[in-house]
Amino acid sequence: MKILHSVEEKEAMKFIDAAIKVAQHSPCFRSKCGSVIVKDGKIIGEGFNAPPLGKKLDKCFKDDIPKNFKSDRSCCIHAEERAIMDSLRKHPDKIIGSRLYFIRLDKDTNKKMYAGKPFCTICSKMALDAGIKEFVLWHEEGITVYDTDEYNTLSFQYRE
């Protein structure tokens, strides 16, 4: 992992800002998340967290699912998953070697929030399989870039 500085940080912030705009479309009751996938300085896919297409939820049932549930406890498709699917639909020839930017917003204020440590093995495995080279998260220390292999390894090591 590396923390970006100066010109690299400014360039990355442009894509974090794009992910913020995408996240604002999320109808999630818990947090609004957005992702953009970038290759050669251009956005090739985007996504926000939301229930599967055609499903409308009256509440988030995540807290009703037992902690030992054997799969993702979210009622939403993740922003990263949607961005990957969007990239594969629109630019399947460009996704290999791309970079995924992720941001989470406070659900009430829409202000960006620091990301936690890598933890989602569903998204990390999907990104690896699609050929995404790097994950980018906004941490308290700064904009942090993870190689997707590293992100996947850290996700499998994560414990609540």
N, C-alpha and C. Protein backbone atom coordinates (compact mmCIF):
# COMPACT_ATOMS: atom_id res chain seq x y z
N MET A 1 0.84 -1.17 0.00
CA MET A 1 0.00 0.00 0.00
C MET A 1 0.88 1.23 0.00
N LYS A 2 0.37 2.27 -0.63
CA LYS A 2 1.12 3.53 -0.60
C LYS A 2 0.14 4.69 -0.45
N ILE A 3 0.59 5.71 0.23
CA ILE A 3 -0.20 6.93 0.41
C ILE A 3 0.26 7.93 -0.63
N LEU A 4 -0.70 8.50 -1.36
CA LEU A 4 -0.37 9.43 -2.44
C LEU A 4 -0.07 10.82 -1.91
N HIS A 5 0.79 11.53 -2.62
CA HIS A 5 1.16 12.90 -2.28
C HIS A 5 1.19 13.75 -3.54
N SER A 6 1.15 15.04 -3.35
CA SER A 6 1.29 16.07 -4.38
C SER A 6 0.44 15.81 -5.62
N VAL A 7 1.04 15.71 -6.78
CA VAL A 7 0.32 15.61 -8.06
C VAL A 7 -0.54 14.34 -8.09
N GLU A 8 0.01 13.23 -7.63
CA GLU A 8 -0.76 11.98 -7.62
C GLU A 8 -1.99 12.10 -6.73
N GLU A 9 -1.82 12.77 -5.59
CA GLU A 9 -2.94 12.95 -4.67
C GLU A 9 -4.03 13.83 -5.29
N LYS A 10 -3.63 14.90 -5.96
CA LYS A 10 -4.61 15.79 -6.61
C LYS A 10 -5.36 15.05 -7.72
N GLU A 11 -4.68 14.26 -8.49
CA GLU A 11 -5.31 13.48 -9.56
C GLU A 11 -6.29 12.47 -8.96
N ALA A 12 -5.88 11.79 -7.90
CA ALA A 12 -6.76 10.81 -7.25
C ALA A 12 -7.98 11.49 -6.65
N MET A 13 -7.80 12.69 -6.11
CA MET A 13 -8.92 13.40 -5.50
C MET A 13 -9.99 13.73 -6.53
N LYS A 14 -9.59 13.94 -7.75
CA LYS A 14 -10.55 14.20 -8.83
C LYS A 14 -11.48 12.98 -8.99
N PHE A 15 -10.93 11.79 -8.88
CA PHE A 15 -11.74 10.58 -9.02
C PHE A 15 -12.51 10.24 -7.75
N ILE A 16 -11.95 10.59 -6.58
CA ILE A 16 -12.70 10.46 -5.33
C ILE A 16 -13.93 11.37 -5.41
N ASP A 17 -13.76 12.59 -5.91
CA ASP A 17 -14.89 13.51 -6.07
C ASP A 17 -15.93 12.95 -7.02
N ALA A 18 -15.50 12.29 -8.08
CA ALA A 18 -16.44 11.65 -9.01
C ALA A 18 -17.21 10.53 -8.30
N ALA A 19 -16.52 9.77 -7.46
CA ALA A 19 -17.18 8.69 -6.70
C ALA A 19 -18.18 9.28 -5.70
N ILE A 20 -17.88 10.46 -5.16
CA ILE A 20 -18.82 11.13 -4.25
C ILE A 20 -20.12 11.44 -4.99
N LYS A 21 -20.02 11.96 -6.20
CA LYS A 21 -21.22 12.28 -6.98
C LYS A 21 -22.03 11.02 -7.26
N VAL A 22 -21.36 9.93 -7.56
CA VAL A 22 -22.04 8.66 -7.81
C VAL A 22 -22.72 8.17 -6.53
N ALA A 23 -22.03 8.27 -5.39
CA ALA A 23 -22.55 7.79 -4.10
C ALA A 23 -23.84 8.50 -3.71
N GLN A 24 -23.99 9.73 -4.13
CA GLN A 24 -25.18 10.51 -3.77
C GLN A 24 -26.46 9.92 -4.35
N HIS A 25 -26.35 9.00 -5.29
CA HIS A 25 -27.52 8.34 -5.87
C HIS A 25 -27.98 7.13 -5.05
N SER A 26 -27.18 6.74 -4.06
CA SER A 26 -27.50 5.56 -3.27
C SER A 26 -28.74 5.78 -2.41
N PRO A 27 -29.66 4.82 -2.43
CA PRO A 27 -30.84 4.91 -1.56
C PRO A 27 -30.64 4.18 -0.22
N CYS A 28 -29.42 3.73 0.07
CA CYS A 28 -29.16 2.92 1.25
C CYS A 28 -29.52 3.67 2.54
N PHE A 29 -30.07 2.94 3.49
CA PHE A 29 -30.48 3.50 4.77
C PHE A 29 -29.31 3.66 5.74
N ARG A 30 -28.20 2.94 5.53
CA ARG A 30 -27.09 2.95 6.48
C ARG A 30 -25.93 3.85 6.05
N SER A 31 -25.50 3.73 4.80
CA SER A 31 -24.42 4.60 4.31
C SER A 31 -24.48 4.62 2.79
N LYS A 32 -24.05 5.71 2.23
CA LYS A 32 -24.04 5.87 0.78
C LYS A 32 -22.61 5.65 0.31
N CYS A 33 -22.44 4.72 -0.62
CA CYS A 33 -21.11 4.41 -1.12
C CYS A 33 -21.07 4.59 -2.63
N GLY A 34 -19.91 5.00 -3.13
CA GLY A 34 -19.75 5.15 -4.56
C GLY A 34 -18.37 4.67 -4.99
N SER A 35 -18.32 4.15 -6.21
CA SER A 35 -17.05 3.70 -6.79
C SER A 35 -16.99 4.12 -8.24
N VAL A 36 -15.78 4.46 -8.66
CA VAL A 36 -15.52 4.65 -10.08
C VAL A 36 -14.30 3.83 -10.42
N ILE A 37 -14.27 3.32 -11.65
CA ILE A 37 -13.12 2.57 -12.14
C ILE A 37 -12.50 3.40 -13.25
N VAL A 38 -11.18 3.57 -13.16
CA VAL A 38 -10.46 4.47 -14.05
C VAL A 38 -9.35 3.73 -14.78
N LYS A 39 -9.24 4.02 -16.05
CA LYS A 39 -8.13 3.49 -16.86
C LYS A 39 -7.67 4.61 -17.79
N ASP A 40 -6.38 4.85 -17.82
CA ASP A 40 -5.79 5.89 -18.67
C ASP A 40 -6.44 7.26 -18.45
N GLY A 41 -6.74 7.57 -17.18
CA GLY A 41 -7.27 8.87 -16.82
C GLY A 41 -8.74 9.08 -17.14
N LYS A 42 -9.44 8.02 -17.53
CA LYS A 42 -10.87 8.14 -17.87
C LYS A 42 -11.69 7.15 -17.05
N ILE A 43 -12.86 7.60 -16.64
CA ILE A 43 -13.77 6.72 -15.91
C ILE A 43 -14.40 5.74 -16.89
N ILE A 44 -14.25 4.45 -16.58
CA ILE A 44 -14.81 3.41 -17.46
C ILE A 44 -15.97 2.66 -16.81
N GLY A 45 -16.24 2.94 -15.55
CA GLY A 45 -17.36 2.31 -14.87
C GLY A 45 -17.64 3.03 -13.57
N GLU A 46 -18.89 2.96 -13.14
CA GLU A 46 -19.27 3.58 -11.87
C GLU A 46 -20.40 2.80 -11.24
N GLY A 47 -20.51 2.93 -9.92
CA GLY A 47 -21.58 2.24 -9.21
C GLY A 47 -21.79 2.79 -7.82
N PHE A 48 -23.01 2.63 -7.33
CA PHE A 48 -23.35 3.01 -5.96
C PHE A 48 -24.06 1.83 -5.31
N ASN A 49 -24.06 1.80 -4.00
CA ASN A 49 -24.71 0.69 -3.30
C ASN A 49 -26.22 0.89 -3.29
N ALA A 50 -26.91 -0.20 -3.58
CA ALA A 50 -28.38 -0.17 -3.63
C ALA A 50 -28.87 -1.61 -3.70
N PRO A 51 -30.15 -1.83 -3.36
CA PRO A 51 -30.71 -3.16 -3.51
C PRO A 51 -30.64 -3.60 -4.98
N PRO A 52 -30.74 -4.89 -5.23
CA PRO A 52 -30.75 -5.35 -6.62
C PRO A 52 -31.83 -4.63 -7.43
N LEU A 53 -31.60 -4.47 -8.72
CA LEU A 53 -32.56 -3.77 -9.58
C LEU A 53 -33.96 -4.34 -9.40
N GLY A 54 -34.92 -3.45 -9.32
CA GLY A 54 -36.31 -3.87 -9.18
C GLY A 54 -36.75 -4.12 -7.75
N LYS A 55 -35.81 -4.11 -6.80
CA LYS A 55 -36.15 -4.33 -5.39
C LYS A 55 -36.15 -3.00 -4.66
N LYS A 56 -37.18 -2.77 -3.88
CA LYS A 56 -37.24 -1.58 -3.06
C LYS A 56 -37.39 -2.04 -1.62
N LEU A 57 -36.58 -1.46 -0.77
CA LEU A 57 -36.62 -1.84 0.64
C LEU A 57 -37.18 -0.71 1.48
N ASP A 58 -37.93 -1.06 2.51
CA ASP A 58 -38.47 -0.06 3.43
C ASP A 58 -37.53 0.23 4.58
N LYS A 59 -36.58 -0.70 4.78
CA LYS A 59 -35.58 -0.53 5.85
C LYS A 59 -34.40 -1.42 5.53
N CYS A 60 -33.30 -1.17 6.21
CA CYS A 60 -32.13 -2.05 6.09
C CYS A 60 -32.30 -3.17 7.10
N PHE A 61 -32.21 -4.39 6.64
CA PHE A 61 -32.38 -5.52 7.56
C PHE A 61 -31.06 -6.10 8.03
N LYS A 62 -29.95 -5.39 7.79
CA LYS A 62 -28.62 -5.91 8.16
C LYS A 62 -28.56 -6.26 9.65
N ASP A 63 -29.14 -5.43 10.50
CA ASP A 63 -29.07 -5.68 11.94
C ASP A 63 -29.93 -6.86 12.38
N ASP A 64 -30.85 -7.29 11.51
CA ASP A 64 -31.71 -8.43 11.82
C ASP A 64 -31.06 -9.77 11.46
N ILE A 65 -29.96 -9.72 10.71
CA ILE A 65 -29.29 -10.95 10.26
C ILE A 65 -28.28 -11.37 11.33
N PRO A 66 -28.27 -12.63 11.71
CA PRO A 66 -27.34 -13.09 12.75
C PRO A 66 -25.88 -12.84 12.36
N LYS A 67 -25.05 -12.54 13.32
CA LYS A 67 -23.62 -12.28 13.10
C LYS A 67 -22.92 -13.47 12.44
N ASN A 68 -23.40 -14.68 12.68
CA ASN A 68 -22.74 -15.85 12.12
C ASN A 68 -23.29 -16.23 10.74
N PHE A 69 -24.09 -15.37 10.13
CA PHE A 69 -24.60 -15.59 8.78
C PHE A 69 -23.42 -15.82 7.85
N LYS A 70 -23.50 -16.80 6.97
CA LYS A 70 -22.35 -17.25 6.19
C LYS A 70 -22.08 -16.46 4.92
N SER A 71 -22.68 -15.33 4.72
CA SER A 71 -22.43 -14.55 3.51
C SER A 71 -22.51 -13.07 3.86
N ASP A 72 -22.46 -12.24 2.85
CA ASP A 72 -22.56 -10.80 3.04
C ASP A 72 -23.86 -10.46 3.77
N ARG A 73 -23.78 -9.63 4.77
CA ARG A 73 -24.96 -9.27 5.56
C ARG A 73 -25.62 -8.00 5.07
N SER A 74 -25.22 -7.49 3.94
CA SER A 74 -25.81 -6.27 3.40
C SER A 74 -27.03 -6.58 2.55
N CYS A 75 -28.00 -5.68 2.54
CA CYS A 75 -29.15 -5.84 1.66
C CYS A 75 -28.88 -5.21 0.29
N CYS A 76 -27.73 -4.58 0.14
CA CYS A 76 -27.38 -3.87 -1.09
C CYS A 76 -26.31 -4.60 -1.91
N ILE A 77 -26.37 -4.37 -3.21
CA ILE A 77 -25.24 -4.70 -4.07
C ILE A 77 -24.20 -3.63 -3.76
N HIS A 78 -22.95 -3.99 -3.57
CA HIS A 78 -21.91 -3.02 -3.22
C HIS A 78 -21.59 -2.11 -4.40
N ALA A 79 -21.16 -0.90 -4.09
CA ALA A 79 -20.77 0.07 -5.12
C ALA A 79 -19.66 -0.49 -6.00
N GLU A 80 -18.72 -1.20 -5.38
CA GLU A 80 -17.60 -1.77 -6.14
C GLU A 80 -18.10 -2.82 -7.13
N GLU A 81 -19.03 -3.66 -6.68
CA GLU A 81 -19.59 -4.68 -7.57
C GLU A 81 -20.28 -4.04 -8.76
N ARG A 82 -21.09 -3.01 -8.48
CA ARG A 82 -21.81 -2.32 -9.57
C ARG A 82 -20.84 -1.64 -10.53
N ALA A 83 -19.78 -1.04 -10.01
CA ALA A 83 -18.80 -0.39 -10.88
C ALA A 83 -18.09 -1.41 -11.77
N ILE A 84 -17.76 -2.55 -11.19
CA ILE A 84 -17.11 -3.60 -11.98
C ILE A 84 -18.05 -4.09 -13.08
N MET A 85 -19.31 -4.36 -12.73
CA MET A 85 -20.26 -4.81 -13.75
C MET A 85 -20.47 -3.75 -14.82
N ASP A 86 -20.51 -2.49 -14.42
CA ASP A 86 -20.67 -1.39 -15.38
C ASP A 86 -19.48 -1.33 -16.34
N SER A 87 -18.27 -1.47 -15.80
CA SER A 87 -17.06 -1.47 -16.63
C SER A 87 -17.05 -2.64 -17.60
N LEU A 88 -17.44 -3.80 -17.10
CA LEU A 88 -17.44 -4.99 -17.96
C LEU A 88 -18.47 -4.87 -19.08
N ARG A 89 -19.59 -4.20 -18.80
CA ARG A 89 -20.60 -3.98 -19.84
C ARG A 89 -20.15 -2.96 -20.88
N LYS A 90 -19.60 -1.85 -20.39
CA LYS A 90 -19.30 -0.71 -21.27
C LYS A 90 -17.90 -0.75 -21.88
N HIS A 91 -16.93 -1.24 -21.12
CA HIS A 91 -15.52 -1.20 -21.56
C HIS A 91 -14.78 -2.48 -21.19
N PRO A 92 -15.25 -3.63 -21.64
CA PRO A 92 -14.61 -4.89 -21.24
C PRO A 92 -13.14 -4.96 -21.65
N ASP A 93 -12.76 -4.23 -22.66
CA ASP A 93 -11.38 -4.25 -23.14
C ASP A 93 -10.45 -3.36 -22.32
N LYS A 94 -11.01 -2.55 -21.40
CA LYS A 94 -10.18 -1.60 -20.65
C LYS A 94 -10.04 -1.92 -19.17
N ILE A 95 -10.80 -2.86 -18.66
CA ILE A 95 -10.81 -3.06 -17.20
C ILE A 95 -9.50 -3.64 -16.67
N ILE A 96 -8.82 -4.45 -17.47
CA ILE A 96 -7.57 -5.05 -17.00
C ILE A 96 -6.53 -3.95 -16.78
N GLY A 97 -5.97 -3.92 -15.57
CA GLY A 97 -4.97 -2.92 -15.22
C GLY A 97 -5.56 -1.61 -14.72
N SER A 98 -6.86 -1.58 -14.48
CA SER A 98 -7.53 -0.34 -14.05
C SER A 98 -7.39 -0.12 -12.55
N ARG A 99 -7.93 0.99 -12.10
CA ARG A 99 -7.87 1.38 -10.69
C ARG A 99 -9.29 1.68 -10.21
N LEU A 100 -9.68 1.11 -9.08
CA LEU A 100 -11.00 1.33 -8.50
C LEU A 100 -10.90 2.30 -7.33
N TYR A 101 -11.71 3.36 -7.37
CA TYR A 101 -11.78 4.35 -6.30
C TYR A 101 -13.09 4.13 -5.55
N PHE A 102 -13.00 4.14 -4.22
CA PHE A 102 -14.18 3.91 -3.38
C PHE A 102 -14.30 5.03 -2.35
N ILE A 103 -15.55 5.44 -2.10
CA ILE A 103 -15.80 6.43 -1.04
C ILE A 103 -17.11 6.08 -0.34
N ARG A 104 -17.17 6.40 0.94
CA ARG A 104 -18.39 6.24 1.73
C ARG A 104 -18.80 7.62 2.22
N LEU A 105 -20.11 7.89 2.18
CA LEU A 105 -20.63 9.17 2.65
C LEU A 105 -21.50 8.95 3.88
N ASP A 106 -21.52 9.93 4.75
CA ASP A 106 -22.45 9.90 5.86
C ASP A 106 -23.87 9.96 5.29
N LYS A 107 -24.74 9.09 5.73
CA LYS A 107 -26.08 8.98 5.14
C LYS A 107 -26.93 10.22 5.38
N ASP A 108 -26.64 10.97 6.42
CA ASP A 108 -27.45 12.15 6.74
C ASP A 108 -26.90 13.44 6.15
N THR A 109 -25.56 13.56 6.12
CA THR A 109 -24.96 14.83 5.68
C THR A 109 -24.35 14.77 4.29
N ASN A 110 -24.16 13.57 3.75
CA ASN A 110 -23.49 13.36 2.46
C ASN A 110 -22.02 13.79 2.48
N LYS A 111 -21.45 13.95 3.67
CA LYS A 111 -20.02 14.29 3.76
C LYS A 111 -19.20 13.00 3.67
N LYS A 112 -18.05 13.11 3.01
CA LYS A 112 -17.22 11.92 2.85
C LYS A 112 -16.67 11.46 4.21
N MET A 113 -16.56 10.14 4.31
CA MET A 113 -16.08 9.52 5.53
C MET A 113 -14.83 8.71 5.21
N TYR A 114 -13.94 8.63 6.19
CA TYR A 114 -12.76 7.79 6.00
C TYR A 114 -13.19 6.35 5.84
N ALA A 115 -12.50 5.64 4.98
CA ALA A 115 -12.77 4.21 4.79
C ALA A 115 -12.09 3.45 5.91
N GLY A 116 -12.67 2.33 6.24
CA GLY A 116 -12.04 1.42 7.19
C GLY A 116 -10.99 0.60 6.46
N LYS A 117 -10.45 -0.35 7.16
CA LYS A 117 -9.46 -1.25 6.55
C LYS A 117 -10.16 -2.13 5.52
N PRO A 118 -9.41 -2.63 4.54
CA PRO A 118 -10.02 -3.55 3.56
C PRO A 118 -10.66 -4.74 4.27
N PHE A 119 -11.91 -5.05 3.91
CA PHE A 119 -12.58 -6.15 4.58
C PHE A 119 -13.50 -6.96 3.67
N CYS A 120 -13.85 -6.47 2.51
CA CYS A 120 -14.85 -7.17 1.71
C CYS A 120 -14.21 -8.14 0.72
N THR A 121 -14.27 -9.42 1.07
CA THR A 121 -13.69 -10.43 0.20
C THR A 121 -14.52 -10.65 -1.07
N ILE A 122 -15.80 -10.32 -1.03
CA ILE A 122 -16.62 -10.43 -2.23
C ILE A 122 -16.10 -9.45 -3.28
N CYS A 123 -15.91 -8.20 -2.89
CA CYS A 123 -15.43 -7.18 -3.82
C CYS A 123 -13.98 -7.42 -4.23
N SER A 124 -13.15 -7.85 -3.28
CA SER A 124 -11.74 -8.06 -3.61
C SER A 124 -11.57 -9.21 -4.59
N LYS A 125 -12.32 -10.29 -4.40
CA LYS A 125 -12.24 -11.42 -5.33
C LYS A 125 -12.77 -11.05 -6.71
N MET A 126 -13.86 -10.30 -6.73
CA MET A 126 -14.44 -9.88 -8.00
C MET A 126 -13.48 -8.97 -8.76
N ALA A 127 -12.83 -8.06 -8.04
CA ALA A 127 -11.86 -7.14 -8.66
C ALA A 127 -10.67 -7.92 -9.22
N LEU A 128 -10.19 -8.90 -8.45
CA LEU A 128 -9.09 -9.74 -8.94
C LEU A 128 -9.49 -10.46 -10.22
N ASP A 129 -10.67 -11.04 -10.21
CA ASP A 129 -11.14 -11.82 -11.36
C ASP A 129 -11.34 -10.93 -12.60
N ALA A 130 -11.75 -9.68 -12.39
CA ALA A 130 -11.96 -8.76 -13.51
C ALA A 130 -10.66 -8.17 -14.04
N GLY A 131 -9.59 -8.26 -13.25
CA GLY A 131 -8.29 -7.73 -13.68
C GLY A 131 -7.98 -6.33 -13.21
N ILE A 132 -8.73 -5.86 -12.20
CA ILE A 132 -8.46 -4.53 -11.64
C ILE A 132 -7.13 -4.58 -10.90
N LYS A 133 -6.28 -3.61 -11.18
CA LYS A 133 -4.92 -3.62 -10.63
C LYS A 133 -4.85 -3.06 -9.21
N GLU A 134 -5.63 -1.98 -8.94
CA GLU A 134 -5.49 -1.29 -7.65
C GLU A 134 -6.84 -0.83 -7.10
N PHE A 135 -6.91 -0.79 -5.77
CA PHE A 135 -8.02 -0.22 -5.01
C PHE A 135 -7.53 1.07 -4.38
N VAL A 136 -8.37 2.11 -4.37
CA VAL A 136 -8.01 3.37 -3.75
C VAL A 136 -9.06 3.73 -2.71
N LEU A 137 -8.60 3.96 -1.48
CA LEU A 137 -9.47 4.34 -0.37
C LEU A 137 -8.99 5.65 0.24
N TRP A 138 -9.91 6.41 0.82
CA TRP A 138 -9.57 7.65 1.52
C TRP A 138 -9.49 7.33 3.00
N HIS A 139 -8.26 7.34 3.54
CA HIS A 139 -8.02 7.09 4.96
C HIS A 139 -7.63 8.40 5.65
N GLU A 140 -7.63 8.37 6.96
CA GLU A 140 -7.22 9.53 7.75
C GLU A 140 -5.79 9.96 7.37
N GLU A 141 -4.94 8.99 7.03
CA GLU A 141 -3.55 9.28 6.67
C GLU A 141 -3.43 9.87 5.26
N GLY A 142 -4.48 9.74 4.46
CA GLY A 142 -4.47 10.25 3.10
C GLY A 142 -5.06 9.25 2.13
N ILE A 143 -4.99 9.58 0.86
CA ILE A 143 -5.51 8.69 -0.18
C ILE A 143 -4.53 7.54 -0.32
N THR A 144 -5.06 6.33 -0.13
CA THR A 144 -4.22 5.14 -0.04
C THR A 144 -4.52 4.19 -1.20
N VAL A 145 -3.46 3.74 -1.86
CA VAL A 145 -3.58 2.82 -2.99
C VAL A 145 -3.11 1.44 -2.54
N TYR A 146 -3.94 0.45 -2.78
CA TYR A 146 -3.61 -0.94 -2.49
C TYR A 146 -3.54 -1.71 -3.80
N ASP A 147 -2.53 -2.53 -3.97
CA ASP A 147 -2.54 -3.50 -5.04
C ASP A 147 -3.71 -4.44 -4.74
N THR A 148 -4.44 -4.86 -5.76
CA THR A 148 -5.64 -5.67 -5.53
C THR A 148 -5.32 -6.99 -4.84
N ASP A 149 -4.17 -7.59 -5.12
CA ASP A 149 -3.76 -8.80 -4.39
C ASP A 149 -3.62 -8.51 -2.89
N GLU A 150 -2.97 -7.39 -2.58
CA GLU A 150 -2.79 -6.99 -1.18
C GLU A 150 -4.15 -6.71 -0.53
N TYR A 151 -5.01 -6.01 -1.25
CA TYR A 151 -6.35 -5.69 -0.74
C TYR A 151 -7.11 -6.99 -0.42
N ASN A 152 -7.01 -7.96 -1.31
CA ASN A 152 -7.67 -9.23 -1.11
C ASN A 152 -7.11 -9.96 0.12
N THR A 153 -5.80 -10.01 0.25
CA THR A 153 -5.16 -10.65 1.40
C THR A 153 -5.59 -9.98 2.70
N LEU A 154 -5.56 -8.64 2.73
CA LEU A 154 -5.97 -7.90 3.93
C LEU A 154 -7.44 -8.14 4.25
N SER A 155 -8.28 -8.25 3.22
CA SER A 155 -9.71 -8.50 3.43
C SER A 155 -9.93 -9.85 4.12
N PHE A 156 -9.18 -10.85 3.71
CA PHE A 156 -9.32 -12.16 4.34
C PHE A 156 -8.76 -12.18 5.76
N GLN A 157 -7.87 -11.26 6.09
CA GLN A 157 -7.32 -11.19 7.45
C GLN A 157 -8.17 -10.36 8.40
N TYR A 158 -9.10 -9.58 7.86
CA TYR A 158 -9.91 -8.66 8.66
C TYR A 158 -10.77 -9.42 9.66
N ARG A 159 -10.81 -8.93 10.87
CA ARG A 159 -11.68 -9.47 11.92
C ARG A 159 -12.32 -8.29 12.63
N GLU A 160 -13.62 -8.40 12.89
CA GLU A 160 -14.34 -7.30 13.59
C GLU A 160 -13.88 -7.18 15.02
